[in-house]
Amino acid sequence: MNNYRKGWALRYLREAKAELTAAQKTPYMAPGLVLEAIRKAQAAIYYSLGDPAFIEAIVRQTIHTKQLIEDPILRFLVEIERTVQQIAQTPRSNNEKVIEQVDDLIQLASEIVELFTGESA
């Protein structure tokens, strides 16, 4: 992994954690912050794996084809995208549950970024 992608992966991961912390401290702003946090965690994963634009295109194309996904990494990326879409489209009646879900995703993103970069954010 080159330093450019490594730097962006770590930055997005740090920002995702900060957005989630802000969401926990300011419930009235939580819906927007949580959505930003999950999108940034997703971006950190994409930068860790390669060209984010290319990966995003593959994920979206896979979602639209609605075929069985055999590749475990692609299946994981599709599930993350579906989670992002679900959070973006659902009313925020249960902020705590959504925050827990996003926290879990950020933890997964942290592990992936650390695996590929050798550093933790």
PDB file of N, CA and C in Angstrom:
ATOM      1  N   MET A   1       0.853  -1.180   0.000  1.00  0.00           N
ATOM      2  CA  MET A   1       0.000   0.000   0.000  1.00  0.00           C
ATOM      3  C   MET A   1       0.895   1.238   0.000  1.00  0.00           C
ATOM      4  N   ASN A   2       0.551   2.188  -0.848  1.00  0.00           N
ATOM      5  CA  ASN A   2       1.365   3.394  -0.896  1.00  0.00           C
ATOM      6  C   ASN A   2       0.985   4.358   0.236  1.00  0.00           C
ATOM      7  N   ASN A   3       1.840   5.326   0.474  1.00  0.00           N
ATOM      8  CA  ASN A   3       1.634   6.260   1.587  1.00  0.00           C
ATOM      9  C   ASN A   3       0.387   7.112   1.419  1.00  0.00           C
ATOM     10  N   TYR A   4       0.033   7.430   0.175  1.00  0.00           N
ATOM     11  CA  TYR A   4      -1.168   8.236  -0.083  1.00  0.00           C
ATOM     12  C   TYR A   4      -2.420   7.513   0.428  1.00  0.00           C
ATOM     13  N   ARG A   5      -2.611   6.275  -0.007  1.00  0.00           N
ATOM     14  CA  ARG A   5      -3.794   5.511   0.425  1.00  0.00           C
ATOM     15  C   ARG A   5      -3.748   5.225   1.926  1.00  0.00           C
ATOM     16  N   LYS A   6      -2.572   4.940   2.426  1.00  0.00           N
ATOM     17  CA  LYS A   6      -2.409   4.674   3.857  1.00  0.00           C
ATOM     18  C   LYS A   6      -2.813   5.901   4.675  1.00  0.00           C
ATOM     19  N   GLY A   7      -2.351   7.066   4.249  1.00  0.00           N
ATOM     20  CA  GLY A   7      -2.673   8.305   4.949  1.00  0.00           C
ATOM     21  C   GLY A   7      -4.173   8.583   4.960  1.00  0.00           C
ATOM     22  N   TRP A   8      -4.809   8.389   3.804  1.00  0.00           N
ATOM     23  CA  TRP A   8      -6.250   8.634   3.733  1.00  0.00           C
ATOM     24  C   TRP A   8      -7.045   7.604   4.544  1.00  0.00           C
ATOM     25  N   ALA A   9      -6.627   6.357   4.514  1.00  0.00           N
ATOM     26  CA  ALA A   9      -7.319   5.329   5.298  1.00  0.00           C
ATOM     27  C   ALA A   9      -7.275   5.671   6.786  1.00  0.00           C
ATOM     28  N   LEU A  10      -6.095   6.040   7.262  1.00  0.00           N
ATOM     29  CA  LEU A  10      -5.949   6.380   8.680  1.00  0.00           C
ATOM     30  C   LEU A  10      -6.724   7.650   9.028  1.00  0.00           C
ATOM     31  N   ARG A  11      -6.704   8.620   8.131  1.00  0.00           N
ATOM     32  CA  ARG A  11      -7.427   9.871   8.383  1.00  0.00           C
ATOM     33  C   ARG A  11      -8.930   9.628   8.460  1.00  0.00           C
ATOM     34  N   TYR A  12      -9.463   8.905   7.485  1.00  0.00           N
ATOM     35  CA  TYR A  12     -10.899   8.631   7.506  1.00  0.00           C
ATOM     36  C   TYR A  12     -11.305   7.836   8.741  1.00  0.00           C
ATOM     37  N   LEU A  13     -10.460   6.928   9.163  1.00  0.00           N
ATOM     38  CA  LEU A  13     -10.775   6.150  10.356  1.00  0.00           C
ATOM     39  C   LEU A  13     -10.793   7.035  11.609  1.00  0.00           C
ATOM     40  N   ARG A  14      -9.805   7.913  11.740  1.00  0.00           N
ATOM     41  CA  ARG A  14      -9.786   8.852  12.871  1.00  0.00           C
ATOM     42  C   ARG A  14     -11.029   9.734  12.863  1.00  0.00           C
ATOM     43  N   GLU A  15     -11.385  10.228  11.678  1.00  0.00           N
ATOM     44  CA  GLU A  15     -12.555  11.087  11.568  1.00  0.00           C
ATOM     45  C   GLU A  15     -13.844  10.326  11.883  1.00  0.00           C
ATOM     46  N   ALA A  16     -13.930   9.073  11.472  1.00  0.00           N
ATOM     47  CA  ALA A  16     -15.111   8.262  11.781  1.00  0.00           C
ATOM     48  C   ALA A  16     -15.275   8.117  13.294  1.00  0.00           C
ATOM     49  N   LYS A  17     -14.168   7.867  13.970  1.00  0.00           N
ATOM     50  CA  LYS A  17     -14.217   7.731  15.432  1.00  0.00           C
ATOM     51  C   LYS A  17     -14.632   9.050  16.083  1.00  0.00           C
ATOM     52  N   ALA A  18     -14.116  10.149  15.580  1.00  0.00           N
ATOM     53  CA  ALA A  18     -14.455  11.466  16.135  1.00  0.00           C
ATOM     54  C   ALA A  18     -15.927  11.797  15.896  1.00  0.00           C
ATOM     55  N   GLU A  19     -16.441  11.480  14.714  1.00  0.00           N
ATOM     56  CA  GLU A  19     -17.860  11.728  14.409  1.00  0.00           C
ATOM     57  C   GLU A  19     -18.755  10.915  15.338  1.00  0.00           C
ATOM     58  N   LEU A  20     -18.379   9.666  15.582  1.00  0.00           N
ATOM     59  CA  LEU A  20     -19.180   8.816  16.466  1.00  0.00           C
ATOM     60  C   LEU A  20     -19.159   9.345  17.895  1.00  0.00           C
ATOM     61  N   THR A  21     -18.002   9.778  18.355  1.00  0.00           N
ATOM     62  CA  THR A  21     -17.903  10.355  19.694  1.00  0.00           C
ATOM     63  C   THR A  21     -18.772  11.600  19.808  1.00  0.00           C
ATOM     64  N   ALA A  22     -18.746  12.435  18.790  1.00  0.00           N
ATOM     65  CA  ALA A  22     -19.582  13.641  18.775  1.00  0.00           C
ATOM     66  C   ALA A  22     -21.064  13.268  18.782  1.00  0.00           C
ATOM     67  N   ALA A  23     -21.428  12.218  18.058  1.00  0.00           N
ATOM     68  CA  ALA A  23     -22.826  11.768  18.022  1.00  0.00           C
ATOM     69  C   ALA A  23     -23.283  11.303  19.397  1.00  0.00           C
ATOM     70  N   GLN A  24     -22.391  10.650  20.123  1.00  0.00           N
ATOM     71  CA  GLN A  24     -22.739  10.175  21.464  1.00  0.00           C
ATOM     72  C   GLN A  24     -22.908  11.338  22.438  1.00  0.00           C
ATOM     73  N   LYS A  25     -22.160  12.408  22.230  1.00  0.00           N
ATOM     74  CA  LYS A  25     -22.211  13.547  23.144  1.00  0.00           C
ATOM     75  C   LYS A  25     -23.313  14.545  22.804  1.00  0.00           C
ATOM     76  N   THR A  26     -23.751  14.576  21.560  1.00  0.00           N
ATOM     77  CA  THR A  26     -24.780  15.535  21.136  1.00  0.00           C
ATOM     78  C   THR A  26     -25.907  14.797  20.411  1.00  0.00           C
ATOM     79  N   PRO A  27     -26.839  14.253  21.175  1.00  0.00           N
ATOM     80  CA  PRO A  27     -27.910  13.441  20.583  1.00  0.00           C
ATOM     81  C   PRO A  27     -28.746  14.161  19.525  1.00  0.00           C
ATOM     82  N   TYR A  28     -28.933  15.462  19.658  1.00  0.00           N
ATOM     83  CA  TYR A  28     -29.750  16.176  18.678  1.00  0.00           C
ATOM     84  C   TYR A  28     -29.066  16.241  17.310  1.00  0.00           C
ATOM     85  N   MET A  29     -27.766  16.068  17.273  1.00  0.00           N
ATOM     86  CA  MET A  29     -27.027  16.066  16.011  1.00  0.00           C
ATOM     87  C   MET A  29     -26.624  14.655  15.579  1.00  0.00           C
ATOM     88  N   ALA A  30     -26.983  13.671  16.384  1.00  0.00           N
ATOM     89  CA  ALA A  30     -26.530  12.300  16.159  1.00  0.00           C
ATOM     90  C   ALA A  30     -26.853  11.739  14.780  1.00  0.00           C
ATOM     91  N   PRO A  31     -28.055  11.933  14.250  1.00  0.00           N
ATOM     92  CA  PRO A  31     -28.351  11.302  12.953  1.00  0.00           C
ATOM     93  C   PRO A  31     -27.352  11.659  11.847  1.00  0.00           C
ATOM     94  N   GLY A  32     -27.037  12.904  11.691  1.00  0.00           N
ATOM     95  CA  GLY A  32     -26.087  13.311  10.660  1.00  0.00           C
ATOM     96  C   GLY A  32     -24.672  12.857  10.965  1.00  0.00           C
ATOM     97  N   LEU A  33     -24.278  12.945  12.224  1.00  0.00           N
ATOM     98  CA  LEU A  33     -22.925  12.548  12.620  1.00  0.00           C
ATOM     99  C   LEU A  33     -22.707  11.048  12.449  1.00  0.00           C
ATOM    100  N   VAL A  34     -23.729  10.272  12.792  1.00  0.00           N
ATOM    101  CA  VAL A  34     -23.620   8.820  12.664  1.00  0.00           C
ATOM    102  C   VAL A  34     -23.479   8.425  11.198  1.00  0.00           C
ATOM    103  N   LEU A  35     -24.245   9.079  10.343  1.00  0.00           N
ATOM    104  CA  LEU A  35     -24.151   8.780   8.917  1.00  0.00           C
ATOM    105  C   LEU A  35     -22.764   9.140   8.378  1.00  0.00           C
ATOM    106  N   GLU A  36     -22.240  10.279   8.792  1.00  0.00           N
ATOM    107  CA  GLU A  36     -20.887  10.664   8.385  1.00  0.00           C
ATOM    108  C   GLU A  36     -19.855   9.669   8.917  1.00  0.00           C
ATOM    109  N   ALA A  37     -20.043   9.212  10.140  1.00  0.00           N
ATOM    110  CA  ALA A  37     -19.094   8.264  10.739  1.00  0.00           C
ATOM    111  C   ALA A  37     -19.047   6.966   9.944  1.00  0.00           C
ATOM    112  N   ILE A  38     -20.203   6.450   9.586  1.00  0.00           N
ATOM    113  CA  ILE A  38     -20.216   5.169   8.862  1.00  0.00           C
ATOM    114  C   ILE A  38     -19.667   5.329   7.451  1.00  0.00           C
ATOM    115  N   ARG A  39     -19.939   6.461   6.826  1.00  0.00           N
ATOM    116  CA  ARG A  39     -19.386   6.693   5.485  1.00  0.00           C
ATOM    117  C   ARG A  39     -17.867   6.829   5.527  1.00  0.00           C
ATOM    118  N   LYS A  40     -17.357   7.453   6.565  1.00  0.00           N
ATOM    119  CA  LYS A  40     -15.905   7.608   6.689  1.00  0.00           C
ATOM    120  C   LYS A  40     -15.237   6.274   7.015  1.00  0.00           C
ATOM    121  N   ALA A  41     -15.888   5.451   7.825  1.00  0.00           N
ATOM    122  CA  ALA A  41     -15.347   4.118   8.109  1.00  0.00           C
ATOM    123  C   ALA A  41     -15.313   3.296   6.816  1.00  0.00           C
ATOM    124  N   GLN A  42     -16.360   3.421   6.019  1.00  0.00           N
ATOM    125  CA  GLN A  42     -16.416   2.736   4.733  1.00  0.00           C
ATOM    126  C   GLN A  42     -15.282   3.226   3.822  1.00  0.00           C
ATOM    127  N   ALA A  43     -15.054   4.525   3.785  1.00  0.00           N
ATOM    128  CA  ALA A  43     -13.980   5.088   2.966  1.00  0.00           C
ATOM    129  C   ALA A  43     -12.615   4.583   3.436  1.00  0.00           C
ATOM    130  N   ALA A  44     -12.441   4.460   4.744  1.00  0.00           N
ATOM    131  CA  ALA A  44     -11.171   3.947   5.282  1.00  0.00           C
ATOM    132  C   ALA A  44     -10.925   2.520   4.795  1.00  0.00           C
ATOM    133  N   ILE A  45     -11.971   1.719   4.787  1.00  0.00           N
ATOM    134  CA  ILE A  45     -11.844   0.341   4.296  1.00  0.00           C
ATOM    135  C   ILE A  45     -11.490   0.349   2.807  1.00  0.00           C
ATOM    136  N   TYR A  46     -12.191   1.164   2.031  1.00  0.00           N
ATOM    137  CA  TYR A  46     -11.940   1.225   0.591  1.00  0.00           C
ATOM    138  C   TYR A  46     -10.497   1.646   0.300  1.00  0.00           C
ATOM    139  N   TYR A  47     -10.006   2.666   1.003  1.00  0.00           N
ATOM    140  CA  TYR A  47      -8.627   3.104   0.786  1.00  0.00           C
ATOM    141  C   TYR A  47      -7.636   2.015   1.186  1.00  0.00           C
ATOM    142  N   SER A  48      -7.976   1.207   2.180  1.00  0.00           N
ATOM    143  CA  SER A  48      -7.091   0.122   2.603  1.00  0.00           C
ATOM    144  C   SER A  48      -6.995  -0.973   1.547  1.00  0.00           C
ATOM    145  N   LEU A  49      -8.084  -1.164   0.821  1.00  0.00           N
ATOM    146  CA  LEU A  49      -8.140  -2.256  -0.151  1.00  0.00           C
ATOM    147  C   LEU A  49      -7.651  -1.878  -1.546  1.00  0.00           C
ATOM    148  N   GLY A  50      -7.670  -0.585  -1.859  1.00  0.00           N
ATOM    149  CA  GLY A  50      -7.247  -0.181  -3.200  1.00  0.00           C
ATOM    150  C   GLY A  50      -7.828   1.162  -3.580  1.00  0.00           C
ATOM    151  N   ASP A  51      -8.127   1.317  -4.859  1.00  0.00           N
ATOM    152  CA  ASP A  51      -8.703   2.557  -5.371  1.00  0.00           C
ATOM    153  C   ASP A  51     -10.163   2.647  -4.943  1.00  0.00           C
ATOM    154  N   PRO A  52     -10.511   3.620  -4.084  1.00  0.00           N
ATOM    155  CA  PRO A  52     -11.872   3.698  -3.551  1.00  0.00           C
ATOM    156  C   PRO A  52     -12.952   3.857  -4.619  1.00  0.00           C
ATOM    157  N   ALA A  53     -12.678   4.607  -5.669  1.00  0.00           N
ATOM    158  CA  ALA A  53     -13.674   4.803  -6.722  1.00  0.00           C
ATOM    159  C   ALA A  53     -13.958   3.480  -7.439  1.00  0.00           C
ATOM    160  N   PHE A  54     -12.922   2.716  -7.678  1.00  0.00           N
ATOM    161  CA  PHE A  54     -13.064   1.421  -8.340  1.00  0.00           C
ATOM    162  C   PHE A  54     -13.835   0.442  -7.455  1.00  0.00           C
ATOM    163  N   ILE A  55     -13.486   0.403  -6.185  1.00  0.00           N
ATOM    164  CA  ILE A  55     -14.151  -0.509  -5.251  1.00  0.00           C
ATOM    165  C   ILE A  55     -15.621  -0.132  -5.089  1.00  0.00           C
ATOM    166  N   GLU A  56     -15.885   1.164  -4.962  1.00  0.00           N
ATOM    167  CA  GLU A  56     -17.263   1.623  -4.823  1.00  0.00           C
ATOM    168  C   GLU A  56     -18.096   1.240  -6.046  1.00  0.00           C
ATOM    169  N   ALA A  57     -17.523   1.375  -7.226  1.00  0.00           N
ATOM    170  CA  ALA A  57     -18.236   1.017  -8.454  1.00  0.00           C
ATOM    171  C   ALA A  57     -18.565  -0.470  -8.481  1.00  0.00           C
ATOM    172  N   ILE A  58     -17.628  -1.291  -8.081  1.00  0.00           N
ATOM    173  CA  ILE A  58     -17.860  -2.742  -8.046  1.00  0.00           C
ATOM    174  C   ILE A  58     -18.961  -3.080  -7.044  1.00  0.00           C
ATOM    175  N   VAL A  59     -18.907  -2.461  -5.878  1.00  0.00           N
ATOM    176  CA  VAL A  59     -19.899  -2.738  -4.836  1.00  0.00           C
ATOM    177  C   VAL A  59     -21.299  -2.339  -5.318  1.00  0.00           C
ATOM    178  N   ARG A  60     -21.412  -1.157  -5.862  1.00  0.00           N
ATOM    179  CA  ARG A  60     -22.735  -0.688  -6.329  1.00  0.00           C
ATOM    180  C   ARG A  60     -23.256  -1.530  -7.485  1.00  0.00           C
ATOM    181  N   GLN A  61     -22.378  -1.912  -8.383  1.00  0.00           N
ATOM    182  CA  GLN A  61     -22.793  -2.767  -9.490  1.00  0.00           C
ATOM    183  C   GLN A  61     -23.273  -4.126  -8.959  1.00  0.00           C
ATOM    184  N   THR A  62     -22.571  -4.655  -7.983  1.00  0.00           N
ATOM    185  CA  THR A  62     -22.945  -5.936  -7.393  1.00  0.00           C
ATOM    186  C   THR A  62     -24.311  -5.847  -6.716  1.00  0.00           C
ATOM    187  N   ILE A  63     -24.561  -4.754  -6.027  1.00  0.00           N
ATOM    188  CA  ILE A  63     -25.859  -4.568  -5.366  1.00  0.00           C
ATOM    189  C   ILE A  63     -26.979  -4.530  -6.410  1.00  0.00           C
ATOM    190  N   HIS A  64     -26.748  -3.848  -7.512  1.00  0.00           N
ATOM    191  CA  HIS A  64     -27.787  -3.700  -8.533  1.00  0.00           C
ATOM    192  C   HIS A  64     -28.049  -4.992  -9.299  1.00  0.00           C
ATOM    193  N   THR A  65     -27.050  -5.876  -9.403  1.00  0.00           N
ATOM    194  CA  THR A  65     -27.262  -7.127 -10.131  1.00  0.00           C
ATOM    195  C   THR A  65     -28.041  -8.137  -9.304  1.00  0.00           C
ATOM    196  N   LYS A  66     -28.004  -7.989  -7.990  1.00  0.00           N
ATOM    197  CA  LYS A  66     -28.752  -8.850  -7.063  1.00  0.00           C
ATOM    198  C   LYS A  66     -28.464 -10.334  -7.266  1.00  0.00           C
ATOM    199  N   GLN A  67     -27.222 -10.650  -7.584  1.00  0.00           N
ATOM    200  CA  GLN A  67     -26.809 -12.035  -7.737  1.00  0.00           C
ATOM    201  C   GLN A  67     -26.208 -12.535  -6.426  1.00  0.00           C
ATOM    202  N   LEU A  68     -26.105 -13.836  -6.309  1.00  0.00           N
ATOM    203  CA  LEU A  68     -25.454 -14.442  -5.155  1.00  0.00           C
ATOM    204  C   LEU A  68     -23.977 -14.050  -5.166  1.00  0.00           C
ATOM    205  N   ILE A  69     -23.488 -13.584  -4.026  1.00  0.00           N
ATOM    206  CA  ILE A  69     -22.101 -13.118  -3.923  1.00  0.00           C
ATOM    207  C   ILE A  69     -21.281 -14.198  -3.230  1.00  0.00           C
ATOM    208  N   GLU A  70     -20.363 -14.789  -3.976  1.00  0.00           N
ATOM    209  CA  GLU A  70     -19.556 -15.869  -3.416  1.00  0.00           C
ATOM    210  C   GLU A  70     -18.286 -15.360  -2.745  1.00  0.00           C
ATOM    211  N   ASP A  71     -17.733 -14.270  -3.249  1.00  0.00           N
ATOM    212  CA  ASP A  71     -16.496 -13.731  -2.690  1.00  0.00           C
ATOM    213  C   ASP A  71     -16.784 -13.124  -1.320  1.00  0.00           C
ATOM    214  N   PRO A  72     -16.126 -13.611  -0.254  1.00  0.00           N
ATOM    215  CA  PRO A  72     -16.432 -13.117   1.091  1.00  0.00           C
ATOM    216  C   PRO A  72     -16.105 -11.637   1.304  1.00  0.00           C
ATOM    217  N   ILE A  73     -15.064 -11.150   0.670  1.00  0.00           N
ATOM    218  CA  ILE A  73     -14.704  -9.734   0.840  1.00  0.00           C
ATOM    219  C   ILE A  73     -15.739  -8.855   0.157  1.00  0.00           C
ATOM    220  N   LEU A  74     -16.124  -9.220  -1.054  1.00  0.00           N
ATOM    221  CA  LEU A  74     -17.144  -8.449  -1.760  1.00  0.00           C
ATOM    222  C   LEU A  74     -18.473  -8.513  -1.016  1.00  0.00           C
ATOM    223  N   ARG A  75     -18.808  -9.668  -0.469  1.00  0.00           N
ATOM    224  CA  ARG A  75     -20.047  -9.809   0.303  1.00  0.00           C
ATOM    225  C   ARG A  75     -20.018  -8.882   1.525  1.00  0.00           C
ATOM    226  N   PHE A  76     -18.875  -8.800   2.196  1.00  0.00           N
ATOM    227  CA  PHE A  76     -18.699  -7.910   3.338  1.00  0.00           C
ATOM    228  C   PHE A  76     -18.876  -6.451   2.927  1.00  0.00           C
ATOM    229  N   LEU A  77     -18.257  -6.058   1.804  1.00  0.00           N
ATOM    230  CA  LEU A  77     -18.360  -4.685   1.327  1.00  0.00           C
ATOM    231  C   LEU A  77     -19.792  -4.335   0.927  1.00  0.00           C
ATOM    232  N   VAL A  78     -20.499  -5.283   0.350  1.00  0.00           N
ATOM    233  CA  VAL A  78     -21.904  -5.069  -0.026  1.00  0.00           C
ATOM    234  C   VAL A  78     -22.753  -4.902   1.236  1.00  0.00           C
ATOM    235  N   GLU A  79     -22.485  -5.688   2.251  1.00  0.00           N
ATOM    236  CA  GLU A  79     -23.245  -5.558   3.506  1.00  0.00           C
ATOM    237  C   GLU A  79     -22.996  -4.198   4.161  1.00  0.00           C
ATOM    238  N   ILE A  80     -21.781  -3.715   4.091  1.00  0.00           N
ATOM    239  CA  ILE A  80     -21.491  -2.387   4.631  1.00  0.00           C
ATOM    240  C   ILE A  80     -22.286  -1.333   3.864  1.00  0.00           C
ATOM    241  N   GLU A  81     -22.290  -1.423   2.544  1.00  0.00           N
ATOM    242  CA  GLU A  81     -23.037  -0.463   1.728  1.00  0.00           C
ATOM    243  C   GLU A  81     -24.531  -0.521   2.044  1.00  0.00           C
ATOM    244  N   ARG A  82     -25.050  -1.708   2.213  1.00  0.00           N
ATOM    245  CA  ARG A  82     -26.473  -1.840   2.559  1.00  0.00           C
ATOM    246  C   ARG A  82     -26.760  -1.234   3.929  1.00  0.00           C
ATOM    247  N   THR A  83     -25.836  -1.392   4.855  1.00  0.00           N
ATOM    248  CA  THR A  83     -25.993  -0.790   6.181  1.00  0.00           C
ATOM    249  C   THR A  83     -25.984   0.730   6.074  1.00  0.00           C
ATOM    250  N   VAL A  84     -25.084   1.276   5.276  1.00  0.00           N
ATOM    251  CA  VAL A  84     -25.030   2.728   5.064  1.00  0.00           C
ATOM    252  C   VAL A  84     -26.360   3.208   4.495  1.00  0.00           C
ATOM    253  N   GLN A  85     -26.865   2.515   3.490  1.00  0.00           N
ATOM    254  CA  GLN A  85     -28.136   2.901   2.878  1.00  0.00           C
ATOM    255  C   GLN A  85     -29.289   2.799   3.871  1.00  0.00           C
ATOM    256  N   GLN A  86     -29.279   1.752   4.667  1.00  0.00           N
ATOM    257  CA  GLN A  86     -30.337   1.562   5.666  1.00  0.00           C
ATOM    258  C   GLN A  86     -30.324   2.698   6.694  1.00  0.00           C
ATOM    259  N   ILE A  87     -29.161   3.048   7.174  1.00  0.00           N
ATOM    260  CA  ILE A  87     -29.052   4.121   8.162  1.00  0.00           C
ATOM    261  C   ILE A  87     -29.462   5.457   7.544  1.00  0.00           C
ATOM    262  N   ALA A  88     -29.099   5.659   6.291  1.00  0.00           N
ATOM    263  CA  ALA A  88     -29.443   6.916   5.619  1.00  0.00           C
ATOM    264  C   ALA A  88     -30.948   7.061   5.398  1.00  0.00           C
ATOM    265  N   GLN A  89     -31.656   5.955   5.260  1.00  0.00           N
ATOM    266  CA  GLN A  89     -33.070   6.003   4.915  1.00  0.00           C
ATOM    267  C   GLN A  89     -34.016   5.767   6.092  1.00  0.00           C
ATOM    268  N   THR A  90     -33.497   5.387   7.240  1.00  0.00           N
ATOM    269  CA  THR A  90     -34.364   5.075   8.365  1.00  0.00           C
ATOM    270  C   THR A  90     -34.530   6.247   9.299  1.00  0.00           C
ATOM    271  N   PRO A  91     -35.732   6.449   9.791  1.00  0.00           N
ATOM    272  CA  PRO A  91     -35.916   7.492  10.812  1.00  0.00           C
ATOM    273  C   PRO A  91     -35.112   7.140  12.065  1.00  0.00           C
ATOM    274  N   ARG A  92     -34.654   8.144  12.754  1.00  0.00           N
ATOM    275  CA  ARG A  92     -33.773   7.950  13.912  1.00  0.00           C
ATOM    276  C   ARG A  92     -34.545   7.860  15.226  1.00  0.00           C
ATOM    277  N   SER A  93     -35.380   6.879  15.363  1.00  0.00           N
ATOM    278  CA  SER A  93     -36.122   6.739  16.605  1.00  0.00           C
ATOM    279  C   SER A  93     -35.279   6.077  17.694  1.00  0.00           C
ATOM    280  N   ASN A  94     -34.305   5.279  17.294  1.00  0.00           N
ATOM    281  CA  ASN A  94     -33.493   4.573  18.274  1.00  0.00           C
ATOM    282  C   ASN A  94     -32.007   4.876  18.021  1.00  0.00           C
ATOM    283  N   ASN A  95     -31.579   6.059  18.437  1.00  0.00           N
ATOM    284  CA  ASN A  95     -30.195   6.482  18.211  1.00  0.00           C
ATOM    285  C   ASN A  95     -29.178   5.546  18.844  1.00  0.00           C
ATOM    286  N   GLU A  96     -29.484   5.031  20.035  1.00  0.00           N
ATOM    287  CA  GLU A  96     -28.525   4.176  20.737  1.00  0.00           C
ATOM    288  C   GLU A  96     -28.222   2.911  19.943  1.00  0.00           C
ATOM    289  N   LYS A  97     -29.240   2.299  19.378  1.00  0.00           N
ATOM    290  CA  LYS A  97     -29.037   1.081  18.594  1.00  0.00           C
ATOM    291  C   LYS A  97     -28.199   1.371  17.351  1.00  0.00           C
ATOM    292  N   VAL A  98     -28.498   2.465  16.668  1.00  0.00           N
ATOM    293  CA  VAL A  98     -27.751   2.846  15.469  1.00  0.00           C
ATOM    294  C   VAL A  98     -26.308   3.167  15.835  1.00  0.00           C
ATOM    295  N   ILE A  99     -26.103   3.874  16.928  1.00  0.00           N
ATOM    296  CA  ILE A  99     -24.739   4.207  17.366  1.00  0.00           C
ATOM    297  C   ILE A  99     -23.954   2.934  17.671  1.00  0.00           C
ATOM    298  N   GLU A 100     -24.589   1.952  18.311  1.00  0.00           N
ATOM    299  CA  GLU A 100     -23.918   0.673  18.588  1.00  0.00           C
ATOM    300  C   GLU A 100     -23.535  -0.027  17.288  1.00  0.00           C
ATOM    301  N   GLN A 101     -24.443  -0.024  16.333  1.00  0.00           N
ATOM    302  CA  GLN A 101     -24.199  -0.664  15.044  1.00  0.00           C
ATOM    303  C   GLN A 101     -23.027   0.009  14.324  1.00  0.00           C
ATOM    304  N   VAL A 102     -23.011   1.326  14.331  1.00  0.00           N
ATOM    305  CA  VAL A 102     -21.932   2.064  13.672  1.00  0.00           C
ATOM    306  C   VAL A 102     -20.616   1.870  14.420  1.00  0.00           C
ATOM    307  N   ASP A 103     -20.675   1.817  15.740  1.00  0.00           N
ATOM    308  CA  ASP A 103     -19.466   1.562  16.527  1.00  0.00           C
ATOM    309  C   ASP A 103     -18.865   0.209  16.162  1.00  0.00           C
ATOM    310  N   ASP A 104     -19.711  -0.809  16.006  1.00  0.00           N
ATOM    311  CA  ASP A 104     -19.226  -2.132  15.604  1.00  0.00           C
ATOM    312  C   ASP A 104     -18.554  -2.067  14.235  1.00  0.00           C
ATOM    313  N   LEU A 105     -19.161  -1.334  13.321  1.00  0.00           N
ATOM    314  CA  LEU A 105     -18.595  -1.218  11.979  1.00  0.00           C
ATOM    315  C   LEU A 105     -17.256  -0.477  12.014  1.00  0.00           C
ATOM    316  N   ILE A 106     -17.170   0.550  12.842  1.00  0.00           N
ATOM    317  CA  ILE A 106     -15.902   1.288  12.955  1.00  0.00           C
ATOM    318  C   ILE A 106     -14.822   0.385  13.545  1.00  0.00           C
ATOM    319  N   GLN A 107     -15.189  -0.470  14.475  1.00  0.00           N
ATOM    320  CA  GLN A 107     -14.207  -1.415  15.027  1.00  0.00           C
ATOM    321  C   GLN A 107     -13.704  -2.373  13.948  1.00  0.00           C
ATOM    322  N   LEU A 108     -14.627  -2.850  13.112  1.00  0.00           N
ATOM    323  CA  LEU A 108     -14.214  -3.711  11.992  1.00  0.00           C
ATOM    324  C   LEU A 108     -13.304  -2.948  11.036  1.00  0.00           C
ATOM    325  N   ALA A 109     -13.673  -1.718  10.737  1.00  0.00           N
ATOM    326  CA  ALA A 109     -12.845  -0.889   9.861  1.00  0.00           C
ATOM    327  C   ALA A 109     -11.459  -0.697  10.470  1.00  0.00           C
ATOM    328  N   SER A 110     -11.401  -0.494  11.773  1.00  0.00           N
ATOM    329  CA  SER A 110     -10.108  -0.320  12.458  1.00  0.00           C
ATOM    330  C   SER A 110      -9.226  -1.547  12.269  1.00  0.00           C
ATOM    331  N   GLU A 111      -9.820  -2.710  12.413  1.00  0.00           N
ATOM    332  CA  GLU A 111      -9.056  -3.949  12.258  1.00  0.00           C
ATOM    333  C   GLU A 111      -8.551  -4.117  10.830  1.00  0.00           C
ATOM    334  N   ILE A 112      -9.402  -3.785   9.862  1.00  0.00           N
ATOM    335  CA  ILE A 112      -9.005  -3.904   8.455  1.00  0.00           C
ATOM    336  C   ILE A 112      -7.890  -2.918   8.131  1.00  0.00           C
ATOM    337  N   VAL A 113      -8.063  -1.672   8.545  1.00  0.00           N
ATOM    338  CA  VAL A 113      -7.046  -0.650   8.276  1.00  0.00           C
ATOM    339  C   VAL A 113      -5.726  -1.030   8.940  1.00  0.00           C
ATOM    340  N   GLU A 114      -5.786  -1.490  10.168  1.00  0.00           N
ATOM    341  CA  GLU A 114      -4.569  -1.882  10.864  1.00  0.00           C
ATOM    342  C   GLU A 114      -3.896  -3.069  10.179  1.00  0.00           C
ATOM    343  N   LEU A 115      -4.690  -4.010   9.691  1.00  0.00           N
ATOM    344  CA  LEU A 115      -4.150  -5.170   8.987  1.00  0.00           C
ATOM    345  C   LEU A 115      -3.364  -4.748   7.744  1.00  0.00           C
ATOM    346  N   PHE A 116      -3.929  -3.817   6.975  1.00  0.00           N
ATOM    347  CA  PHE A 116      -3.304  -3.416   5.724  1.00  0.00           C
ATOM    348  C   PHE A 116      -2.238  -2.338   5.871  1.00  0.00           C
ATOM    349  N   THR A 117      -2.358  -1.499   6.886  1.00  0.00           N
ATOM    350  CA  THR A 117      -1.388  -0.407   7.035  1.00  0.00           C
ATOM    351  C   THR A 117      -0.309  -0.725   8.057  1.00  0.00           C
ATOM    352  N   GLY A 118      -0.608  -1.621   8.978  1.00  0.00           N
ATOM    353  CA  GLY A 118       0.342  -1.904  10.046  1.00  0.00           C
ATOM    354  C   GLY A 118       0.311  -0.863  11.150  1.00  0.00           C
ATOM    355  N   GLU A 119      -0.649   0.063  11.056  1.00  0.00           N
ATOM    356  CA  GLU A 119      -0.787   1.138  12.054  1.00  0.00           C
ATOM    357  C   GLU A 119      -2.234   1.214  12.521  1.00  0.00           C
ATOM    358  N   SER A 120      -2.400   1.741  13.726  1.00  0.00           N
ATOM    359  CA  SER A 120      -3.758   1.951  14.209  1.00  0.00           C
ATOM    360  C   SER A 120      -4.037   3.459  14.298  1.00  0.00           C
ATOM    361  N   ALA A 121      -5.276   3.796  14.071  1.00  0.00           N
ATOM    362  CA  ALA A 121      -5.649   5.216  14.100  1.00  0.00           C
ATOM    363  C   ALA A 121      -6.213   5.590  15.445  1.00  0.00           C
TER     364      ALA A 121
END
